[in-house]
Amino acid sequence: QRGENSWRVECEGSRHQGRRIVIATGSSPRAGGFRESDRVGIGPGL
């Protein structure tokens, strides 16, 4: 959330403030309606 002169970040169990915020949350494999199981893998790697 934007404050008057800073940004507030609410987390589970903690709160933080920053003069600037960087969103670097990346990406995740697209599931396309499928569910991971013992016969279905979604995305590369593990």
PDB file of all heavy atoms in Angstrom:
ATOM      1  N   GLN A   1       0.832  -1.199   0.000  1.00  0.00           N
ATOM      2  CA  GLN A   1       0.000   0.000   0.000  1.00  0.00           C
ATOM      3  C   GLN A   1       0.870   1.254   0.000  1.00  0.00           C
ATOM      4  O   GLN A   1       1.924   1.299   0.656  1.00  0.00           O
ATOM      5  CB  GLN A   1      -0.917   0.016   1.224  1.00  0.00           C
ATOM      6  CG  GLN A   1      -1.854  -1.172   1.309  1.00  0.00           C
ATOM      7  CD  GLN A   1      -2.619  -1.209   2.615  1.00  0.00           C
ATOM      8  OE1 GLN A   1      -2.280  -0.503   3.563  1.00  0.00           O
ATOM      9  NE2 GLN A   1      -3.646  -2.029   2.672  1.00  0.00           N
ATOM     10  N   ARG A   2       0.403   2.257  -0.725  1.00  0.00           N
ATOM     11  CA  ARG A   2       1.094   3.527  -0.784  1.00  0.00           C
ATOM     12  C   ARG A   2       0.740   4.379   0.420  1.00  0.00           C
ATOM     13  O   ARG A   2      -0.442   4.579   0.725  1.00  0.00           O
ATOM     14  CB  ARG A   2       0.702   4.259  -2.081  1.00  0.00           C
ATOM     15  CG  ARG A   2       1.271   5.671  -2.218  1.00  0.00           C
ATOM     16  CD  ARG A   2       2.769   5.654  -2.417  1.00  0.00           C
ATOM     17  NE  ARG A   2       3.292   7.006  -2.583  1.00  0.00           N
ATOM     18  CZ  ARG A   2       4.581   7.324  -2.545  1.00  0.00           C
ATOM     19  NH1 ARG A   2       5.483   6.381  -2.333  1.00  0.00           N
ATOM     20  NH2 ARG A   2       4.977   8.557  -2.716  1.00  0.00           N
ATOM     21  N   GLY A   3       1.763   4.862   1.158  1.00  0.00           N
ATOM     22  CA  GLY A   3       1.552   5.796   2.245  1.00  0.00           C
ATOM     23  C   GLY A   3       1.818   7.217   1.786  1.00  0.00           C
ATOM     24  O   GLY A   3       1.954   7.486   0.587  1.00  0.00           O
ATOM     25  N   GLU A   4       1.912   8.118   2.737  1.00  0.00           N
ATOM     26  CA  GLU A   4       2.116   9.524   2.377  1.00  0.00           C
ATOM     27  C   GLU A   4       3.483   9.759   1.763  1.00  0.00           C
ATOM     28  O   GLU A   4       3.617  10.422   0.735  1.00  0.00           O
ATOM     29  CB  GLU A   4       1.933  10.407   3.610  1.00  0.00           C
ATOM     30  CG  GLU A   4       1.985  11.898   3.301  1.00  0.00           C
ATOM     31  CD  GLU A   4       1.648  12.746   4.505  1.00  0.00           C
ATOM     32  OE1 GLU A   4       1.113  12.198   5.498  1.00  0.00           O
ATOM     33  OE2 GLU A   4       1.918  13.964   4.457  1.00  0.00           O
ATOM     34  N   ASN A   5       4.521   9.204   2.392  1.00  0.00           N
ATOM     35  CA  ASN A   5       5.883   9.388   1.877  1.00  0.00           C
ATOM     36  C   ASN A   5       6.632   8.071   1.749  1.00  0.00           C
ATOM     37  O   ASN A   5       7.856   8.071   1.617  1.00  0.00           O
ATOM     38  CB  ASN A   5       6.673  10.333   2.797  1.00  0.00           C
ATOM     39  CG  ASN A   5       6.091  11.730   2.821  1.00  0.00           C
ATOM     40  OD1 ASN A   5       5.923  12.344   1.773  1.00  0.00           O
ATOM     41  ND2 ASN A   5       5.774  12.215   4.017  1.00  0.00           N
ATOM     42  N   SER A   6       5.921   6.977   1.810  1.00  0.00           N
ATOM     43  CA  SER A   6       6.575   5.670   1.757  1.00  0.00           C
ATOM     44  C   SER A   6       5.566   4.623   1.327  1.00  0.00           C
ATOM     45  O   SER A   6       4.395   4.911   1.087  1.00  0.00           O
ATOM     46  CB  SER A   6       7.170   5.301   3.121  1.00  0.00           C
ATOM     47  OG  SER A   6       6.136   5.139   4.082  1.00  0.00           O
ATOM     48  N   TRP A   7       6.034   3.389   1.263  1.00  0.00           N
ATOM     49  CA  TRP A   7       5.178   2.248   0.945  1.00  0.00           C
ATOM     50  C   TRP A   7       5.129   1.317   2.142  1.00  0.00           C
ATOM     51  O   TRP A   7       6.134   1.119   2.830  1.00  0.00           O
ATOM     52  CB  TRP A   7       5.726   1.500  -0.273  1.00  0.00           C
ATOM     53  CG  TRP A   7       5.521   2.222  -1.568  1.00  0.00           C
ATOM     54  CD1 TRP A   7       6.301   3.219  -2.087  1.00  0.00           C
ATOM     55  CD2 TRP A   7       4.472   2.007  -2.512  1.00  0.00           C
ATOM     56  NE1 TRP A   7       5.804   3.635  -3.295  1.00  0.00           N
ATOM     57  CE2 TRP A   7       4.677   2.906  -3.584  1.00  0.00           C
ATOM     58  CE3 TRP A   7       3.375   1.145  -2.557  1.00  0.00           C
ATOM     59  CZ2 TRP A   7       3.839   2.963  -4.679  1.00  0.00           C
ATOM     60  CZ3 TRP A   7       2.537   1.200  -3.652  1.00  0.00           C
ATOM     61  CH2 TRP A   7       2.761   2.099  -4.698  1.00  0.00           C
ATOM     62  N   ARG A   8       3.953   0.747   2.398  1.00  0.00           N
ATOM     63  CA  ARG A   8       3.781  -0.228   3.478  1.00  0.00           C
ATOM     64  C   ARG A   8       3.600  -1.616   2.869  1.00  0.00           C
ATOM     65  O   ARG A   8       2.808  -1.797   1.932  1.00  0.00           O
ATOM     66  CB  ARG A   8       2.580   0.117   4.343  1.00  0.00           C
ATOM     67  CG  ARG A   8       2.687   1.424   5.082  1.00  0.00           C
ATOM     68  CD  ARG A   8       1.549   1.568   6.097  1.00  0.00           C
ATOM     69  NE  ARG A   8       0.247   1.472   5.443  1.00  0.00           N
ATOM     70  CZ  ARG A   8      -0.387   2.506   4.899  1.00  0.00           C
ATOM     71  NH1 ARG A   8       0.178   3.702   4.899  1.00  0.00           N
ATOM     72  NH2 ARG A   8      -1.571   2.353   4.345  1.00  0.00           N
ATOM     73  N   VAL A   9       4.302  -2.582   3.433  1.00  0.00           N
ATOM     74  CA  VAL A   9       4.204  -3.967   2.996  1.00  0.00           C
ATOM     75  C   VAL A   9       3.702  -4.795   4.168  1.00  0.00           C
ATOM     76  O   VAL A   9       4.386  -4.923   5.189  1.00  0.00           O
ATOM     77  CB  VAL A   9       5.562  -4.510   2.503  1.00  0.00           C
ATOM     78  CG1 VAL A   9       5.415  -5.939   2.004  1.00  0.00           C
ATOM     79  CG2 VAL A   9       6.132  -3.623   1.403  1.00  0.00           C
ATOM     80  N   GLU A  10       2.512  -5.323   4.015  1.00  0.00           N
ATOM     81  CA  GLU A  10       1.910  -6.165   5.053  1.00  0.00           C
ATOM     82  C   GLU A  10       2.195  -7.631   4.731  1.00  0.00           C
ATOM     83  O   GLU A  10       1.912  -8.100   3.630  1.00  0.00           O
ATOM     84  CB  GLU A  10       0.401  -5.941   5.117  1.00  0.00           C
ATOM     85  CG  GLU A  10      -0.027  -4.514   5.444  1.00  0.00           C
ATOM     86  CD  GLU A  10       0.109  -4.201   6.923  1.00  0.00           C
ATOM     87  OE1 GLU A  10       0.296  -5.165   7.712  1.00  0.00           O
ATOM     88  OE2 GLU A  10       0.018  -3.017   7.279  1.00  0.00           O
ATOM     89  N   CYS A  11       2.747  -8.341   5.710  1.00  0.00           N
ATOM     90  CA  CYS A  11       3.053  -9.760   5.548  1.00  0.00           C
ATOM     91  C   CYS A  11       2.335 -10.553   6.638  1.00  0.00           C
ATOM     92  O   CYS A  11       1.722  -9.980   7.548  1.00  0.00           O
ATOM     93  CB  CYS A  11       4.562 -10.005   5.656  1.00  0.00           C
ATOM     94  SG  CYS A  11       5.549  -9.028   4.508  1.00  0.00           S
ATOM     95  N   GLU A  12       2.409 -11.852   6.530  1.00  0.00           N
ATOM     96  CA  GLU A  12       1.844 -12.704   7.568  1.00  0.00           C
ATOM     97  C   GLU A  12       2.713 -12.584   8.819  1.00  0.00           C
ATOM     98  O   GLU A  12       3.794 -13.140   8.892  1.00  0.00           O
ATOM     99  CB  GLU A  12       1.792 -14.160   7.080  1.00  0.00           C
ATOM    100  CG  GLU A  12       0.879 -14.369   5.883  1.00  0.00           C
ATOM    101  CD  GLU A  12       0.947 -15.788   5.339  1.00  0.00           C
ATOM    102  OE1 GLU A  12       1.777 -16.576   5.851  1.00  0.00           O
ATOM    103  OE2 GLU A  12       0.198 -16.102   4.408  1.00  0.00           O
ATOM    104  N   GLY A  13       2.252 -11.806   9.790  1.00  0.00           N
ATOM    105  CA  GLY A  13       2.983 -11.682  11.044  1.00  0.00           C
ATOM    106  C   GLY A  13       3.974 -10.542  11.113  1.00  0.00           C
ATOM    107  O   GLY A  13       4.670 -10.401  12.131  1.00  0.00           O
ATOM    108  N   SER A  14       4.082  -9.723  10.079  1.00  0.00           N
ATOM    109  CA  SER A  14       5.026  -8.611  10.130  1.00  0.00           C
ATOM    110  C   SER A  14       4.582  -7.502   9.181  1.00  0.00           C
ATOM    111  O   SER A  14       3.784  -7.714   8.270  1.00  0.00           O
ATOM    112  CB  SER A  14       6.447  -9.074   9.784  1.00  0.00           C
ATOM    113  OG  SER A  14       6.491  -9.579   8.458  1.00  0.00           O
ATOM    114  N   ARG A  15       5.114  -6.305   9.434  1.00  0.00           N
ATOM    115  CA  ARG A  15       4.826  -5.139   8.603  1.00  0.00           C
ATOM    116  C   ARG A  15       6.122  -4.387   8.347  1.00  0.00           C
ATOM    117  O   ARG A  15       6.958  -4.267   9.250  1.00  0.00           O
ATOM    118  CB  ARG A  15       3.828  -4.224   9.306  1.00  0.00           C
ATOM    119  CG  ARG A  15       3.543  -2.910   8.587  1.00  0.00           C
ATOM    120  CD  ARG A  15       2.631  -2.018   9.406  1.00  0.00           C
ATOM    121  NE  ARG A  15       1.321  -2.631   9.574  1.00  0.00           N
ATOM    122  CZ  ARG A  15       0.361  -2.093  10.333  1.00  0.00           C
ATOM    123  NH1 ARG A  15       0.591  -0.985  11.008  1.00  0.00           N
ATOM    124  NH2 ARG A  15      -0.813  -2.687  10.427  1.00  0.00           N
ATOM    125  N   HIS A  16       6.311  -3.896   7.125  1.00  0.00           N
ATOM    126  CA  HIS A  16       7.561  -3.240   6.762  1.00  0.00           C
ATOM    127  C   HIS A  16       7.271  -1.986   5.950  1.00  0.00           C
ATOM    128  O   HIS A  16       6.244  -1.889   5.275  1.00  0.00           O
ATOM    129  CB  HIS A  16       8.446  -4.192   5.945  1.00  0.00           C
ATOM    130  CG  HIS A  16       8.610  -5.527   6.593  1.00  0.00           C
ATOM    131  ND1 HIS A  16       9.498  -5.772   7.612  1.00  0.00           N
ATOM    132  CD2 HIS A  16       7.937  -6.704   6.386  1.00  0.00           C
ATOM    133  CE1 HIS A  16       9.398  -7.033   7.997  1.00  0.00           C
ATOM    134  NE2 HIS A  16       8.459  -7.614   7.272  1.00  0.00           N
ATOM    135  N   GLN A  17       8.177  -1.017   6.029  1.00  0.00           N
ATOM    136  CA  GLN A  17       8.051   0.216   5.269  1.00  0.00           C
ATOM    137  C   GLN A  17       9.299   0.441   4.434  1.00  0.00           C
ATOM    138  O   GLN A  17      10.413   0.098   4.845  1.00  0.00           O
ATOM    139  CB  GLN A  17       7.855   1.411   6.203  1.00  0.00           C
ATOM    140  CG  GLN A  17       6.442   1.565   6.746  1.00  0.00           C
ATOM    141  CD  GLN A  17       6.285   2.848   7.508  1.00  0.00           C
ATOM    142  OE1 GLN A  17       6.872   3.021   8.571  1.00  0.00           O
ATOM    143  NE2 GLN A  17       5.488   3.761   6.956  1.00  0.00           N
ATOM    144  N   GLY A  18       9.104   1.028   3.264  1.00  0.00           N
ATOM    145  CA  GLY A  18      10.221   1.358   2.402  1.00  0.00           C
ATOM    146  C   GLY A  18       9.952   2.644   1.643  1.00  0.00           C
ATOM    147  O   GLY A  18       8.811   2.914   1.253  1.00  0.00           O
ATOM    148  N   ARG A  19      11.000   3.428   1.469  1.00  0.00           N
ATOM    149  CA  ARG A  19      10.850   4.640   0.656  1.00  0.00           C
ATOM    150  C   ARG A  19      10.574   4.261  -0.799  1.00  0.00           C
ATOM    151  O   ARG A  19       9.898   4.992  -1.517  1.00  0.00           O
ATOM    152  CB  ARG A  19      12.107   5.493   0.770  1.00  0.00           C
ATOM    153  CG  ARG A  19      12.384   5.981   2.193  1.00  0.00           C
ATOM    154  CD  ARG A  19      13.769   6.568   2.319  1.00  0.00           C
ATOM    155  NE  ARG A  19      13.919   7.782   1.514  1.00  0.00           N
ATOM    156  CZ  ARG A  19      15.103   8.328   1.233  1.00  0.00           C
ATOM    157  NH1 ARG A  19      16.226   7.741   1.654  1.00  0.00           N
ATOM    158  NH2 ARG A  19      15.171   9.443   0.532  1.00  0.00           N
ATOM    159  N   ARG A  20      11.091   3.134  -1.199  1.00  0.00           N
ATOM    160  CA  ARG A  20      10.840   2.610  -2.536  1.00  0.00           C
ATOM    161  C   ARG A  20      10.562   1.113  -2.417  1.00  0.00           C
ATOM    162  O   ARG A  20      11.049   0.441  -1.498  1.00  0.00           O
ATOM    163  CB  ARG A  20      12.028   2.835  -3.477  1.00  0.00           C
ATOM    164  CG  ARG A  20      12.418   4.299  -3.678  1.00  0.00           C
ATOM    165  CD  ARG A  20      11.341   5.076  -4.396  1.00  0.00           C
ATOM    166  NE  ARG A  20      11.726   6.471  -4.643  1.00  0.00           N
ATOM    167  CZ  ARG A  20      11.479   7.477  -3.813  1.00  0.00           C
ATOM    168  NH1 ARG A  20      10.853   7.242  -2.648  1.00  0.00           N
ATOM    169  NH2 ARG A  20      11.839   8.715  -4.103  1.00  0.00           N
ATOM    170  N   ILE A  21       9.792   0.595  -3.366  1.00  0.00           N
ATOM    171  CA  ILE A  21       9.453  -0.832  -3.400  1.00  0.00           C
ATOM    172  C   ILE A  21       9.857  -1.393  -4.752  1.00  0.00           C
ATOM    173  O   ILE A  21       9.673  -0.748  -5.794  1.00  0.00           O
ATOM    174  CB  ILE A  21       7.932  -1.047  -3.209  1.00  0.00           C
ATOM    175  CG1 ILE A  21       7.481  -0.573  -1.837  1.00  0.00           C
ATOM    176  CG2 ILE A  21       7.561  -2.522  -3.396  1.00  0.00           C
ATOM    177  CD1 ILE A  21       7.964  -1.420  -0.695  1.00  0.00           C
ATOM    178  N   VAL A  22      10.400  -2.606  -4.749  1.00  0.00           N
ATOM    179  CA  VAL A  22      10.700  -3.322  -5.987  1.00  0.00           C
ATOM    180  C   VAL A  22       9.919  -4.635  -6.006  1.00  0.00           C
ATOM    181  O   VAL A  22      10.062  -5.465  -5.100  1.00  0.00           O
ATOM    182  CB  VAL A  22      12.205  -3.623  -6.140  1.00  0.00           C
ATOM    183  CG1 VAL A  22      12.467  -4.374  -7.445  1.00  0.00           C
ATOM    184  CG2 VAL A  22      13.021  -2.338  -6.095  1.00  0.00           C
ATOM    185  N   ILE A  23       9.092  -4.809  -7.020  1.00  0.00           N
ATOM    186  CA  ILE A  23       8.383  -6.067  -7.220  1.00  0.00           C
ATOM    187  C   ILE A  23       9.273  -6.974  -8.081  1.00  0.00           C
ATOM    188  O   ILE A  23       9.557  -6.657  -9.236  1.00  0.00           O
ATOM    189  CB  ILE A  23       7.033  -5.849  -7.937  1.00  0.00           C
ATOM    190  CG1 ILE A  23       6.167  -4.840  -7.176  1.00  0.00           C
ATOM    191  CG2 ILE A  23       6.298  -7.174  -8.111  1.00  0.00           C
ATOM    192  CD1 ILE A  23       5.773  -5.273  -5.805  1.00  0.00           C
ATOM    193  N   ALA A  24       9.731  -8.060  -7.507  1.00  0.00           N
ATOM    194  CA  ALA A  24      10.592  -9.000  -8.233  1.00  0.00           C
ATOM    195  C   ALA A  24      10.090 -10.421  -7.982  1.00  0.00           C
ATOM    196  O   ALA A  24      10.853 -11.321  -7.631  1.00  0.00           O
ATOM    197  CB  ALA A  24      12.045  -8.843  -7.788  1.00  0.00           C
ATOM    198  N   THR A  25       8.790 -10.605  -8.177  1.00  0.00           N
ATOM    199  CA  THR A  25       8.134 -11.859  -7.813  1.00  0.00           C
ATOM    200  C   THR A  25       8.209 -12.929  -8.898  1.00  0.00           C
ATOM    201  O   THR A  25       7.702 -14.034  -8.715  1.00  0.00           O
ATOM    202  CB  THR A  25       6.661 -11.581  -7.455  1.00  0.00           C
ATOM    203  OG1 THR A  25       6.105 -10.665  -8.406  1.00  0.00           O
ATOM    204  CG2 THR A  25       6.559 -10.948  -6.080  1.00  0.00           C
ATOM    205  N   GLY A  26       8.827 -12.605 -10.034  1.00  0.00           N
ATOM    206  CA  GLY A  26       9.116 -13.628 -11.028  1.00  0.00           C
ATOM    207  C   GLY A  26       7.895 -14.208 -11.711  1.00  0.00           C
ATOM    208  O   GLY A  26       6.858 -13.574 -11.850  1.00  0.00           O
ATOM    209  N   SER A  27       8.035 -15.454 -12.135  1.00  0.00           N
ATOM    210  CA  SER A  27       6.972 -16.135 -12.868  1.00  0.00           C
ATOM    211  C   SER A  27       6.889 -17.588 -12.432  1.00  0.00           C
ATOM    212  O   SER A  27       7.794 -18.096 -11.756  1.00  0.00           O
ATOM    213  CB  SER A  27       7.226 -16.054 -14.378  1.00  0.00           C
ATOM    214  OG  SER A  27       8.458 -16.675 -14.714  1.00  0.00           O
ATOM    215  N   SER A  28       5.802 -18.240 -12.823  1.00  0.00           N
ATOM    216  CA  SER A  28       5.574 -19.650 -12.502  1.00  0.00           C
ATOM    217  C   SER A  28       5.117 -20.389 -13.751  1.00  0.00           C
ATOM    218  O   SER A  28       4.522 -19.776 -14.649  1.00  0.00           O
ATOM    219  CB  SER A  28       4.501 -19.795 -11.415  1.00  0.00           C
ATOM    220  OG  SER A  28       4.903 -19.169 -10.225  1.00  0.00           O
ATOM    221  N   PRO A  29       5.357 -21.697 -13.833  1.00  0.00           N
ATOM    222  CA  PRO A  29       4.891 -22.449 -15.003  1.00  0.00           C
ATOM    223  C   PRO A  29       3.374 -22.378 -15.160  1.00  0.00           C
ATOM    224  O   PRO A  29       2.638 -22.473 -14.168  1.00  0.00           O
ATOM    225  CB  PRO A  29       5.345 -23.889 -14.695  1.00  0.00           C
ATOM    226  CG  PRO A  29       6.474 -23.740 -13.733  1.00  0.00           C
ATOM    227  CD  PRO A  29       6.133 -22.539 -12.895  1.00  0.00           C
ATOM    228  N   ARG A  30       2.916 -22.199 -16.386  1.00  0.00           N
ATOM    229  CA  ARG A  30       1.473 -22.195 -16.670  1.00  0.00           C
ATOM    230  C   ARG A  30       0.928 -23.615 -16.544  1.00  0.00           C
ATOM    231  O   ARG A  30       1.462 -24.549 -17.130  1.00  0.00           O
ATOM    232  CB  ARG A  30       1.212 -21.679 -18.079  1.00  0.00           C
ATOM    233  CG  ARG A  30       1.563 -20.223 -18.303  1.00  0.00           C
ATOM    234  CD  ARG A  30       1.179 -19.787 -19.704  1.00  0.00           C
ATOM    235  NE  ARG A  30       1.675 -18.462 -20.006  1.00  0.00           N
ATOM    236  CZ  ARG A  30       1.053 -17.334 -19.681  1.00  0.00           C
ATOM    237  NH1 ARG A  30      -0.100 -17.390 -19.041  1.00  0.00           N
ATOM    238  NH2 ARG A  30       1.581 -16.157 -19.995  1.00  0.00           N
ATOM    239  N   ALA A  31      -0.148 -23.759 -15.804  1.00  0.00           N
ATOM    240  CA  ALA A  31      -0.747 -25.085 -15.596  1.00  0.00           C
ATOM    241  C   ALA A  31      -1.717 -25.443 -16.708  1.00  0.00           C
ATOM    242  O   ALA A  31      -1.935 -26.631 -16.988  1.00  0.00           O
ATOM    243  CB  ALA A  31      -1.441 -25.152 -14.247  1.00  0.00           C
ATOM    244  N   GLY A  32      -2.338 -24.448 -17.326  1.00  0.00           N
ATOM    245  CA  GLY A  32      -3.272 -24.719 -18.421  1.00  0.00           C
ATOM    246  C   GLY A  32      -4.438 -25.604 -18.035  1.00  0.00           C
ATOM    247  O   GLY A  32      -4.961 -26.351 -18.866  1.00  0.00           O
ATOM    248  N   GLY A  33      -4.856 -25.541 -16.771  1.00  0.00           N
ATOM    249  CA  GLY A  33      -5.976 -26.351 -16.309  1.00  0.00           C
ATOM    250  C   GLY A  33      -5.597 -27.730 -15.798  1.00  0.00           C
ATOM    251  O   GLY A  33      -6.455 -28.471 -15.298  1.00  0.00           O
ATOM    252  N   PHE A  34      -4.317 -28.106 -15.894  1.00  0.00           N
ATOM    253  CA  PHE A  34      -3.866 -29.410 -15.400  1.00  0.00           C
ATOM    254  C   PHE A  34      -3.465 -29.303 -13.928  1.00  0.00           C
ATOM    255  O   PHE A  34      -3.183 -28.217 -13.416  1.00  0.00           O
ATOM    256  CB  PHE A  34      -2.685 -29.909 -16.228  1.00  0.00           C
ATOM    257  CG  PHE A  34      -3.046 -30.276 -17.639  1.00  0.00           C
ATOM    258  CD1 PHE A  34      -3.015 -29.316 -18.641  1.00  0.00           C
ATOM    259  CD2 PHE A  34      -3.444 -31.564 -17.963  1.00  0.00           C
ATOM    260  CE1 PHE A  34      -3.357 -29.634 -19.949  1.00  0.00           C
ATOM    261  CE2 PHE A  34      -3.800 -31.894 -19.262  1.00  0.00           C
ATOM    262  CZ  PHE A  34      -3.756 -30.925 -20.256  1.00  0.00           C
ATOM    263  N   ARG A  35      -3.434 -30.433 -13.244  1.00  0.00           N
ATOM    264  CA  ARG A  35      -3.022 -30.506 -11.852  1.00  0.00           C
ATOM    265  C   ARG A  35      -1.825 -31.432 -11.731  1.00  0.00           C
ATOM    266  O   ARG A  35      -1.803 -32.513 -12.330  1.00  0.00           O
ATOM    267  CB  ARG A  35      -4.169 -31.029 -10.973  1.00  0.00           C
ATOM    268  CG  ARG A  35      -5.438 -30.204 -11.048  1.00  0.00           C
ATOM    269  CD  ARG A  35      -6.578 -30.866 -10.286  1.00  0.00           C
ATOM    270  NE  ARG A  35      -6.777 -32.266 -10.678  1.00  0.00           N
ATOM    271  CZ  ARG A  35      -7.415 -32.642 -11.791  1.00  0.00           C
ATOM    272  NH1 ARG A  35      -7.894 -31.734 -12.629  1.00  0.00           N
ATOM    273  NH2 ARG A  35      -7.564 -33.917 -12.070  1.00  0.00           N
ATOM    274  N   GLU A  36      -0.858 -31.017 -10.936  1.00  0.00           N
ATOM    275  CA  GLU A  36       0.317 -31.850 -10.731  1.00  0.00           C
ATOM    276  C   GLU A  36      -0.073 -33.122  -9.985  1.00  0.00           C
ATOM    277  O   GLU A  36      -0.890 -33.092  -9.063  1.00  0.00           O
ATOM    278  CB  GLU A  36       1.362 -31.069  -9.936  1.00  0.00           C
ATOM    279  CG  GLU A  36       2.779 -31.453 -10.277  1.00  0.00           C
ATOM    280  CD  GLU A  36       3.779 -30.402  -9.836  1.00  0.00           C
ATOM    281  OE1 GLU A  36       3.788 -30.076  -8.637  1.00  0.00           O
ATOM    282  OE2 GLU A  36       4.541 -29.933 -10.685  1.00  0.00           O
ATOM    283  N   SER A  37       0.495 -34.247 -10.400  1.00  0.00           N
ATOM    284  CA  SER A  37       0.199 -35.525  -9.764  1.00  0.00           C
ATOM    285  C   SER A  37       1.382 -36.454  -9.991  1.00  0.00           C
ATOM    286  O   SER A  37       2.430 -36.036 -10.485  1.00  0.00           O
ATOM    287  CB  SER A  37      -1.078 -36.133 -10.359  1.00  0.00           C
ATOM    288  OG  SER A  37      -0.831 -36.618 -11.671  1.00  0.00           O
ATOM    289  N   ASP A  38       1.191 -37.741  -9.626  1.00  0.00           N
ATOM    290  CA  ASP A  38       2.281 -38.691  -9.843  1.00  0.00           C
ATOM    291  C   ASP A  38       2.407 -39.087 -11.312  1.00  0.00           C
ATOM    292  O   ASP A  38       3.297 -39.854 -11.673  1.00  0.00           O
ATOM    293  CB  ASP A  38       2.096 -39.947  -8.974  1.00  0.00           C
ATOM    294  CG  ASP A  38       0.778 -40.663  -9.257  1.00  0.00           C
ATOM    295  OD1 ASP A  38      -0.040 -40.150 -10.055  1.00  0.00           O
ATOM    296  OD2 ASP A  38       0.561 -41.743  -8.669  1.00  0.00           O
ATOM    297  N   ARG A  39       1.521 -38.553 -12.160  1.00  0.00           N
ATOM    298  CA  ARG A  39       1.609 -38.815 -13.592  1.00  0.00           C
ATOM    299  C   ARG A  39       1.667 -37.548 -14.435  1.00  0.00           C
ATOM    300  O   ARG A  39       1.816 -37.641 -15.656  1.00  0.00           O
ATOM    301  CB  ARG A  39       0.413 -39.664 -14.046  1.00  0.00           C
ATOM    302  CG  ARG A  39       0.363 -41.050 -13.431  1.00  0.00           C
ATOM    303  CD  ARG A  39      -0.610 -41.950 -14.169  1.00  0.00           C
ATOM    304  NE  ARG A  39      -1.992 -41.496 -14.020  1.00  0.00           N
ATOM    305  CZ  ARG A  39      -3.022 -42.026 -14.669  1.00  0.00           C
ATOM    306  NH1 ARG A  39      -2.828 -43.001 -15.528  1.00  0.00           N
ATOM    307  NH2 ARG A  39      -4.250 -41.591 -14.465  1.00  0.00           N
ATOM    308  N   VAL A  40       1.590 -36.393 -13.785  1.00  0.00           N
ATOM    309  CA  VAL A  40       1.583 -35.122 -14.504  1.00  0.00           C
ATOM    310  C   VAL A  40       2.602 -34.167 -13.888  1.00  0.00           C
ATOM    311  O   VAL A  40       2.546 -33.880 -12.681  1.00  0.00           O
ATOM    312  CB  VAL A  40       0.180 -34.471 -14.481  1.00  0.00           C
ATOM    313  CG1 VAL A  40       0.212 -33.106 -15.175  1.00  0.00           C
ATOM    314  CG2 VAL A  40      -0.839 -35.386 -15.147  1.00  0.00           C
ATOM    315  N   GLY A  41       3.514 -33.696 -14.709  1.00  0.00           N
ATOM    316  CA  GLY A  41       4.470 -32.676 -14.297  1.00  0.00           C
ATOM    317  C   GLY A  41       4.126 -31.369 -14.980  1.00  0.00           C
ATOM    318  O   GLY A  41       3.762 -31.357 -16.157  1.00  0.00           O
ATOM    319  N   ILE A  42       4.243 -30.260 -14.258  1.00  0.00           N
ATOM    320  CA  ILE A  42       3.941 -28.943 -14.804  1.00  0.00           C
ATOM    321  C   ILE A  42       5.192 -28.088 -14.726  1.00  0.00           C
ATOM    322  O   ILE A  42       5.704 -27.809 -13.639  1.00  0.00           O
ATOM    323  CB  ILE A  42       2.781 -28.273 -14.045  1.00  0.00           C
ATOM    324  CG1 ILE A  42       1.513 -29.117 -14.196  1.00  0.00           C
ATOM    325  CG2 ILE A  42       2.549 -26.852 -14.555  1.00  0.00           C
ATOM    326  CD1 ILE A  42       0.334 -28.615 -13.394  1.00  0.00           C
ATOM    327  N   GLY A  43       5.682 -27.704 -15.893  1.00  0.00           N
ATOM    328  CA  GLY A  43       6.915 -26.935 -15.951  1.00  0.00           C
ATOM    329  C   GLY A  43       8.133 -27.840 -15.944  1.00  0.00           C
ATOM    330  O   GLY A  43       8.035 -29.052 -15.681  1.00  0.00           O
ATOM    331  N   PRO A  44       9.296 -27.265 -16.256  1.00  0.00           N
ATOM    332  CA  PRO A  44      10.535 -28.061 -16.318  1.00  0.00           C
ATOM    333  C   PRO A  44      11.113 -28.324 -14.937  1.00  0.00           C
ATOM    334  O   PRO A  44      10.608 -27.834 -13.929  1.00  0.00           O
ATOM    335  CB  PRO A  44      11.462 -27.159 -17.132  1.00  0.00           C
ATOM    336  CG  PRO A  44      11.020 -25.769 -16.764  1.00  0.00           C
ATOM    337  CD  PRO A  44       9.519 -25.849 -16.603  1.00  0.00           C
ATOM    338  N   GLY A  45      12.179 -29.108 -14.902  1.00  0.00           N
ATOM    339  CA  GLY A  45      12.919 -29.303 -13.664  1.00  0.00           C
ATOM    340  C   GLY A  45      12.347 -30.376 -12.766  1.00  0.00           C
ATOM    341  O   GLY A  45      11.920 -31.448 -13.218  1.00  0.00           O
ATOM    342  N   LEU A  46      12.328 -30.105 -11.463  1.00  0.00           N
ATOM    343  CA  LEU A  46      11.968 -31.109 -10.471  1.00  0.00           C
ATOM    344  C   LEU A  46      10.584 -31.697 -10.699  1.00  0.00           C
ATOM    345  O   LEU A  46      10.348 -32.874 -10.412  1.00  0.00           O
ATOM    346  CB  LEU A  46      12.038 -30.510  -9.066  1.00  0.00           C
ATOM    347  CG  LEU A  46      13.429 -30.133  -8.549  1.00  0.00           C
ATOM    348  CD1 LEU A  46      13.327 -29.547  -7.162  1.00  0.00           C
ATOM    349  CD2 LEU A  46      14.345 -31.353  -8.543  1.00  0.00           C
TER     350      LEU A  46
END
